Structure formats: C-alpha cells, structure tokens
Amino acid sequence: MQERSASLNATALQTTQAAYEEQLELLESDCVTRCPNRAELRQQTAQLLESSFVELAANLRPEISVEIGAHEASFSERLKTRVPSVRALAFEANPYVYAHFAARLHECAIDYRHAAICDRDGVARFSIPTLLPTGAECPRLNPISSLRHWVNIREYEETIVPASRIDTVLPGPPDRLVAWIDAEGAQGEILTGGTMFFSHLAALYIEVEYVTRWHGQLSYESLVEQLRQHSLVPVMRDNIARGQRNEVYIRPDDDTMRIVMPTVNAYVSAVRELVTSTG
C-alpha cells in the first residue's frame, strides 16, 4: 500500500476534492432542501450515480468485480453486459433472497454466492426483519437484512449463514478491481476483513450512514478515514435519504484518474443541470 500511496499526487487529490465539494454545494443548496418533491429529486440523483458508476467501472476494464450485499446483483449484471470478460462475484447473505435469484444469475455467468462478507471465516448470525416500524409485516425477500439490527426495528428472524473475509475469498486480488457495497450497517466488519482487498481497489461504490441507523455501526468519520488509509478518496455522491447516501471512492493515481475523471465531470454536470432545473 505504501508503493501505491507514493503514486498519488497533490494535483490529483485537489481535482477529486474540487469535484466532490461542488456536489456537496449543489446537493445541499436551498433549492434542494426546499424542493416540494424532494423524494423524486433524491431518486433521480441515486439513478444518476448508479449509472455513472457502472460507466466508470466499465471504462476501467476490471478483471474482477465484487458486489457485497448484492440482493439481485444488478451492478454485476450491468457491468457484465458492458465488460463480458469480467469475473463478477456477488455475495448475498439473506437465504431467501439468494434462493430466489441464484438460478437466473448463474445462467447469466454471475458468480453469485450465499455468504456474509465480514470480519471472520466460518458462520455469522444474520438478522432478517419480520415487522416494520409502521407495524406492517416485512417480507423475507427484503433489502434491509443485516449482520446488525436497525434502530427502529425490533422483530427479526435470526439465522446462521456462511461467512467469509473478502481477503480469504480474494487472497491476491488484481490491480484493476472494482466493488459495490450495500452492507446495511456492516461496513466496519467488511473493512476489518479486507485489508488486502481495499488496498487494491481502483473504484468503490458504497452506501454510507452519517447518522445512527444500525446498532453498533461504524461512524461515517471512521469509515472515511479507513478508506483514506487505503488511498481511496470520495469523488461522487448522491442525496438519497436523511442520514444516508451512496458515495463513490477512487484511487487517484495517474492511470485511474485519466480513465474515470471524464465520467466524474459528466456526473457533476448532470447534477448541476438537475439542481438548476429544480431551482
């Protein structure tokens, strides 16, 4: 990791910081916070970010992609369409979700596995919500099951699932590696079990929480610092919900910057246009 860090330069870091800060200013402007249809605006920024990350990842021509908390593995499928040669690994811990999607995804040449990626190898306790805070029943095929409990949900089906460190799955990952992580509060466990993995990532899409949504979750500040220690810096973000958003991190070495910055700049322009039209 020290060799990789040495390839980073001040100009690249200033470029990524400027792009990210412009998005912060746009997405937190008065016209956004006062928008009467803010939910739709959030959804539009989320869709923009997803499609931009797929394009960014495809342009990197990765040898391997990893999707953690994959659910239906839409990122893996979209990337595989763009880069047929990629080895697409997707991990889903919810046994109901895995059983529902496994056959179709295997037919699509996605390496879809039933496992919780965390800080240990073996097994882990996994919690599937059964009752929402509204009192409505929560279907087992849901995207909010986790290694942790959500602060507003108290009724769960507890189960034991296969578990693995991502460094065990990929003990010697390639240089051109991309990842999508939607871990429902378990980012800390994934980072602990992925020292080698994160030190090789070229680009990362990750859902983050900056308020407490999951009991015992890693703080946002600690998450950003740990990613920075792996020489990953934020370059794009959306505005999906209060206390939660998706962010894109890249390794700002010369080669990665040359490939990804056109997509980043296009995303910033699209967000600027969206916010301007809202205003």
Protein backbone atom coordinates (compact mmCIF):
# COMPACT_ATOMS: atom_id res chain seq x y z
CA MET A 1 0.00 0.00 0.00
CA GLN A 2 2.91 2.35 0.61
CA GLU A 3 4.06 1.90 -3.01
CA ARG A 4 0.57 2.73 -4.25
CA SER A 5 0.27 5.75 -1.99
CA ALA A 6 3.53 7.10 -3.40
CA SER A 7 1.93 7.32 -6.87
CA LEU A 8 -0.71 9.75 -5.63
CA ASN A 9 -0.04 13.41 -6.22
CA ALA A 10 -1.36 16.69 -4.88
CA THR A 11 -2.90 17.73 -8.20
CA ALA A 12 -4.99 14.55 -8.40
CA LEU A 13 -6.21 14.97 -4.84
CA GLN A 14 -7.15 18.61 -5.49
CA THR A 15 -9.07 17.57 -8.61
CA THR A 16 -11.12 14.93 -6.81
CA GLN A 17 -11.75 17.21 -3.85
CA ALA A 18 -12.98 20.03 -6.08
CA ALA A 19 -15.42 17.72 -7.90
CA TYR A 20 -16.74 16.34 -4.62
CA GLU A 21 -17.11 19.74 -2.96
CA GLU A 22 -19.10 21.07 -5.92
CA GLN A 23 -21.54 18.19 -5.49
CA LEU A 24 -21.82 18.93 -1.76
CA GLU A 25 -22.67 22.55 -2.54
CA LEU A 26 -25.21 21.60 -5.20
CA LEU A 27 -26.96 18.82 -3.29
CA GLU A 28 -27.21 20.85 -0.09
CA SER A 29 -28.32 24.11 -1.73
CA ASP A 30 -31.51 25.87 -0.67
CA CYS A 31 -33.38 24.87 -3.83
CA VAL A 32 -32.77 21.20 -2.97
CA THR A 33 -33.59 21.38 0.73
CA ARG A 34 -36.80 23.33 -0.03
CA CYS A 35 -37.82 21.25 -3.05
CA PRO A 36 -41.51 20.23 -2.67
CA ASN A 37 -40.85 16.93 -4.47
CA ARG A 38 -37.59 16.11 -2.75
CA ALA A 39 -38.15 12.35 -2.79
CA GLU A 40 -38.19 12.32 -6.59
CA LEU A 41 -35.09 14.50 -6.71
CA ARG A 42 -33.28 12.09 -4.39
CA GLN A 43 -34.29 9.17 -6.60
CA GLN A 44 -33.01 10.96 -9.69
CA THR A 45 -29.61 11.62 -8.12
CA ALA A 46 -29.43 7.99 -6.99
CA GLN A 47 -30.14 6.75 -10.53
CA LEU A 48 -27.60 9.17 -11.97
CA LEU A 49 -24.93 7.98 -9.54
CA GLU A 50 -25.64 4.29 -10.22
CA SER A 51 -25.42 4.63 -13.99
CA SER A 52 -22.32 6.84 -13.69
CA PHE A 53 -20.56 4.27 -11.51
CA VAL A 54 -21.38 1.45 -13.93
CA GLU A 55 -19.88 3.53 -16.74
CA LEU A 56 -16.84 4.43 -14.63
CA ALA A 57 -16.28 0.80 -13.65
CA ALA A 58 -16.70 -0.42 -17.23
CA ASN A 59 -14.17 2.12 -18.50
CA LEU A 60 -11.63 0.74 -16.03
CA ARG A 61 -11.98 -2.68 -17.74
CA PRO A 62 -11.63 -4.59 -14.44
CA GLU A 63 -10.54 -8.19 -14.27
CA ILE A 64 -12.73 -8.79 -11.21
CA SER A 65 -15.77 -7.01 -9.77
CA VAL A 66 -17.18 -7.66 -6.30
CA GLU A 67 -20.72 -6.91 -5.14
CA ILE A 68 -21.39 -7.26 -1.41
CA GLY A 69 -24.98 -7.19 -0.18
CA ALA A 70 -25.88 -7.96 -3.77
CA HIS A 71 -29.60 -8.78 -3.49
CA GLU A 72 -30.50 -9.26 -7.20
CA ALA A 73 -26.88 -8.36 -8.23
CA SER A 74 -27.95 -5.60 -10.61
CA PHE A 75 -24.49 -3.99 -10.60
CA SER A 76 -22.81 -7.27 -11.54
CA GLU A 77 -25.28 -7.83 -14.37
CA ARG A 78 -24.96 -4.32 -15.75
CA LEU A 79 -21.17 -4.43 -15.61
CA LYS A 80 -21.05 -7.91 -17.16
CA THR A 81 -23.09 -6.59 -20.09
CA ARG A 82 -20.52 -3.84 -20.64
CA VAL A 83 -17.42 -5.95 -19.88
CA PRO A 84 -18.19 -9.61 -20.74
CA SER A 85 -14.70 -10.73 -19.69
CA VAL A 86 -15.05 -9.53 -16.08
CA ARG A 87 -15.21 -12.15 -13.35
CA ALA A 88 -18.27 -10.89 -11.48
CA LEU A 89 -18.51 -12.06 -7.85
CA ALA A 90 -21.73 -11.24 -5.96
CA PHE A 91 -22.41 -12.09 -2.30
CA GLU A 92 -25.86 -12.22 -0.66
CA ALA A 93 -26.36 -13.33 2.95
CA ASN A 94 -30.17 -13.42 3.09
CA PRO A 95 -31.02 -17.09 2.33
CA TYR A 96 -34.47 -16.22 0.95
CA VAL A 97 -33.05 -13.62 -1.45
CA TYR A 98 -30.23 -15.92 -2.53
CA ALA A 99 -32.60 -18.81 -3.27
CA HIS A 100 -34.87 -16.50 -5.27
CA PHE A 101 -32.18 -15.12 -7.61
CA ALA A 102 -29.47 -17.81 -7.70
CA ALA A 103 -30.60 -19.83 -10.73
CA ARG A 104 -31.10 -16.83 -13.01
CA LEU A 105 -27.83 -15.17 -12.02
CA HIS A 106 -25.80 -18.34 -12.51
CA GLU A 107 -27.26 -18.57 -16.01
CA CYS A 108 -26.02 -15.01 -16.58
CA ALA A 109 -22.47 -16.11 -15.65
CA ILE A 110 -22.53 -14.19 -12.36
CA ASP A 111 -20.62 -15.98 -9.58
CA TYR A 112 -23.46 -15.49 -7.07
CA ARG A 113 -22.67 -16.85 -3.60
CA HIS A 114 -24.62 -17.26 -0.37
CA ALA A 115 -22.33 -15.64 2.20
CA ALA A 116 -21.99 -12.73 4.58
CA ILE A 117 -18.76 -10.87 3.87
CA CYS A 118 -17.47 -9.70 7.23
CA ASP A 119 -14.52 -9.94 9.65
CA ARG A 120 -14.44 -13.73 10.11
CA ASP A 121 -14.42 -17.03 8.22
CA GLY A 122 -16.98 -19.66 9.11
CA VAL A 123 -20.51 -18.61 10.04
CA ALA A 124 -22.28 -15.47 11.28
CA ARG A 125 -25.62 -14.61 12.87
CA PHE A 126 -27.80 -12.81 10.34
CA SER A 127 -30.97 -10.84 11.13
CA ILE A 128 -33.98 -10.71 8.78
CA PRO A 129 -36.62 -8.11 9.78
CA THR A 130 -40.13 -9.51 10.11
CA LEU A 131 -42.04 -6.40 11.25
CA LEU A 132 -41.50 -2.81 10.07
CA PRO A 133 -41.70 0.23 12.40
CA THR A 134 -45.13 1.00 10.88
CA GLY A 135 -46.43 -2.33 12.16
CA ALA A 136 -46.60 -3.82 8.68
CA GLU A 137 -45.18 -7.28 8.05
CA CYS A 138 -41.76 -7.21 6.38
CA PRO A 139 -41.32 -9.74 3.55
CA ARG A 140 -38.38 -12.12 3.86
CA LEU A 141 -37.21 -11.05 0.38
CA ASN A 142 -36.13 -7.65 1.66
CA PRO A 143 -33.03 -5.49 1.07
CA ILE A 144 -32.58 -4.40 4.72
CA SER A 145 -31.49 -7.65 6.39
CA SER A 146 -28.11 -7.34 8.05
CA LEU A 147 -25.49 -8.56 10.49
CA ARG A 148 -26.76 -5.69 12.65
CA HIS A 149 -30.14 -4.58 13.99
CA TRP A 150 -31.77 -1.42 12.65
CA VAL A 151 -32.52 1.02 15.48
CA ASN A 152 -36.22 1.30 14.50
CA ILE A 153 -36.91 -2.44 14.01
CA ARG A 154 -37.29 -4.85 16.92
CA GLU A 155 -38.69 -8.06 15.42
CA TYR A 156 -36.35 -10.31 13.44
CA GLU A 157 -35.88 -13.83 12.22
CA GLU A 158 -32.39 -14.80 13.31
CA THR A 159 -30.46 -17.30 11.21
CA ILE A 160 -26.92 -18.60 10.82
CA VAL A 161 -25.29 -18.05 7.41
CA PRO A 162 -21.91 -18.83 5.82
CA ALA A 163 -19.38 -16.06 6.47
CA SER A 164 -16.05 -15.08 4.99
CA ARG A 165 -13.47 -12.34 4.97
CA ILE A 166 -13.12 -10.85 1.49
CA ASP A 167 -9.34 -11.27 1.84
CA THR A 168 -9.95 -15.02 2.17
CA VAL A 169 -12.10 -15.08 -0.97
CA LEU A 170 -9.57 -12.99 -2.93
CA PRO A 171 -6.20 -13.52 -1.22
CA GLY A 172 -4.29 -11.90 -4.09
CA PRO A 173 -6.66 -9.52 -5.93
CA PRO A 174 -5.59 -7.96 -9.24
CA ASP A 175 -4.64 -4.32 -9.69
CA ARG A 176 -7.78 -3.45 -11.68
CA LEU A 177 -10.54 -4.28 -9.21
CA VAL A 178 -13.91 -2.56 -8.60
CA ALA A 179 -16.54 -3.09 -5.91
CA TRP A 180 -20.12 -2.24 -4.95
CA ILE A 181 -21.01 -2.48 -1.24
CA ASP A 182 -24.53 -2.17 0.18
CA ALA A 183 -23.99 -3.71 3.59
CA GLU A 184 -26.78 -2.25 5.76
CA GLY A 185 -24.54 -1.03 8.57
CA ALA A 186 -21.87 -3.75 8.35
CA GLN A 187 -19.20 -1.72 6.52
CA GLY A 188 -16.88 -1.89 9.53
CA GLU A 189 -16.80 -5.70 9.52
CA ILE A 190 -16.10 -5.74 5.78
CA LEU A 191 -13.22 -3.29 6.14
CA THR A 192 -11.72 -5.32 9.00
CA GLY A 193 -11.75 -8.46 6.88
CA GLY A 194 -10.47 -6.76 3.73
CA THR A 195 -7.12 -5.08 4.33
CA MET A 196 -5.57 -6.51 1.16
CA PHE A 197 -8.78 -6.13 -0.83
CA PHE A 198 -9.26 -2.42 -0.13
CA SER A 199 -5.60 -1.67 -0.78
CA HIS A 200 -6.09 -2.95 -4.36
CA LEU A 201 -9.42 -1.32 -5.23
CA ALA A 202 -9.46 1.11 -8.13
CA ALA A 203 -13.05 2.24 -7.56
CA LEU A 204 -15.72 1.68 -4.92
CA TYR A 205 -19.45 2.41 -4.70
CA ILE A 206 -20.65 2.22 -1.09
CA GLU A 207 -23.79 3.02 0.87
CA VAL A 208 -22.93 5.08 3.97
CA GLU A 209 -24.81 6.30 7.03
CA TYR A 210 -23.91 9.57 8.69
CA VAL A 211 -26.48 9.22 11.49
CA THR A 212 -27.03 6.11 13.62
CA ARG A 213 -29.34 3.74 11.73
CA TRP A 214 -27.82 0.42 12.86
CA HIS A 215 -26.81 -0.57 16.38
CA GLY A 216 -23.00 -0.62 16.64
CA GLN A 217 -22.37 0.71 13.12
CA LEU A 218 -19.01 2.23 12.18
CA SER A 219 -19.22 6.02 12.29
CA TYR A 220 -19.11 7.90 9.00
CA GLU A 221 -15.92 9.69 10.05
CA SER A 222 -14.18 6.39 10.86
CA LEU A 223 -15.31 4.89 7.54
CA VAL A 224 -13.91 7.81 5.54
CA GLU A 225 -10.64 7.68 7.49
CA GLN A 226 -10.20 3.94 6.97
CA LEU A 227 -10.83 4.30 3.25
CA ARG A 228 -8.34 7.20 3.15
CA GLN A 229 -5.74 4.95 4.78
CA HIS A 230 -6.22 2.64 1.79
CA SER A 231 -5.64 5.66 -0.51
CA LEU A 232 -9.31 5.84 -1.54
CA VAL A 233 -10.87 9.31 -1.78
CA PRO A 234 -14.51 10.37 -2.39
CA VAL A 235 -15.31 11.71 -5.83
CA MET A 236 -19.10 11.33 -6.32
CA ARG A 237 -22.19 11.12 -4.10
CA ASP A 238 -25.97 11.24 -4.28
CA ASN A 239 -28.65 12.50 -1.90
CA ILE A 240 -30.98 9.56 -1.34
CA ALA A 241 -32.31 9.96 2.20
CA ARG A 242 -31.95 11.75 5.50
CA GLY A 243 -28.87 10.35 7.21
CA GLN A 244 -27.90 8.02 4.37
CA ARG A 245 -26.39 8.27 0.91
CA ASN A 246 -24.24 6.46 -1.64
CA GLU A 247 -20.68 7.57 -2.35
CA VAL A 248 -18.05 6.67 -4.93
CA TYR A 249 -14.38 6.43 -3.99
CA ILE A 250 -11.43 6.07 -6.35
CA ARG A 251 -7.70 5.56 -6.06
CA PRO A 252 -6.36 8.81 -7.52
CA ASP A 253 -3.26 7.52 -9.25
CA ASP A 254 -2.50 8.87 -12.72
CA ASP A 255 -3.88 5.90 -14.65
CA THR A 256 -7.18 5.72 -12.74
CA MET A 257 -7.67 9.49 -12.87
CA ARG A 258 -7.20 9.58 -16.63
CA ILE A 259 -9.89 6.94 -17.10
CA VAL A 260 -12.52 8.00 -14.55
CA MET A 261 -12.49 11.81 -14.49
CA PRO A 262 -14.49 12.27 -17.73
CA THR A 263 -17.31 10.25 -16.12
CA VAL A 264 -17.00 12.18 -12.86
CA ASN A 265 -17.15 15.51 -14.68
CA ALA A 266 -20.19 14.35 -16.66
CA TYR A 267 -21.91 13.37 -13.42
CA VAL A 268 -21.21 16.75 -11.83
CA SER A 269 -22.63 18.47 -14.91
CA ALA A 270 -25.75 16.29 -14.78
CA VAL A 271 -26.27 17.06 -11.08
CA ARG A 272 -25.75 20.77 -11.75
CA GLU A 273 -28.37 20.69 -14.51
CA LEU A 274 -30.81 18.74 -12.33
CA VAL A 275 -30.43 21.12 -9.39
CA THR A 276 -30.65 24.19 -11.63
CA SER A 277 -33.89 22.95 -13.20
CA THR A 278 -35.25 22.24 -9.71
CA GLY A 279 -34.38 25.75 -8.58
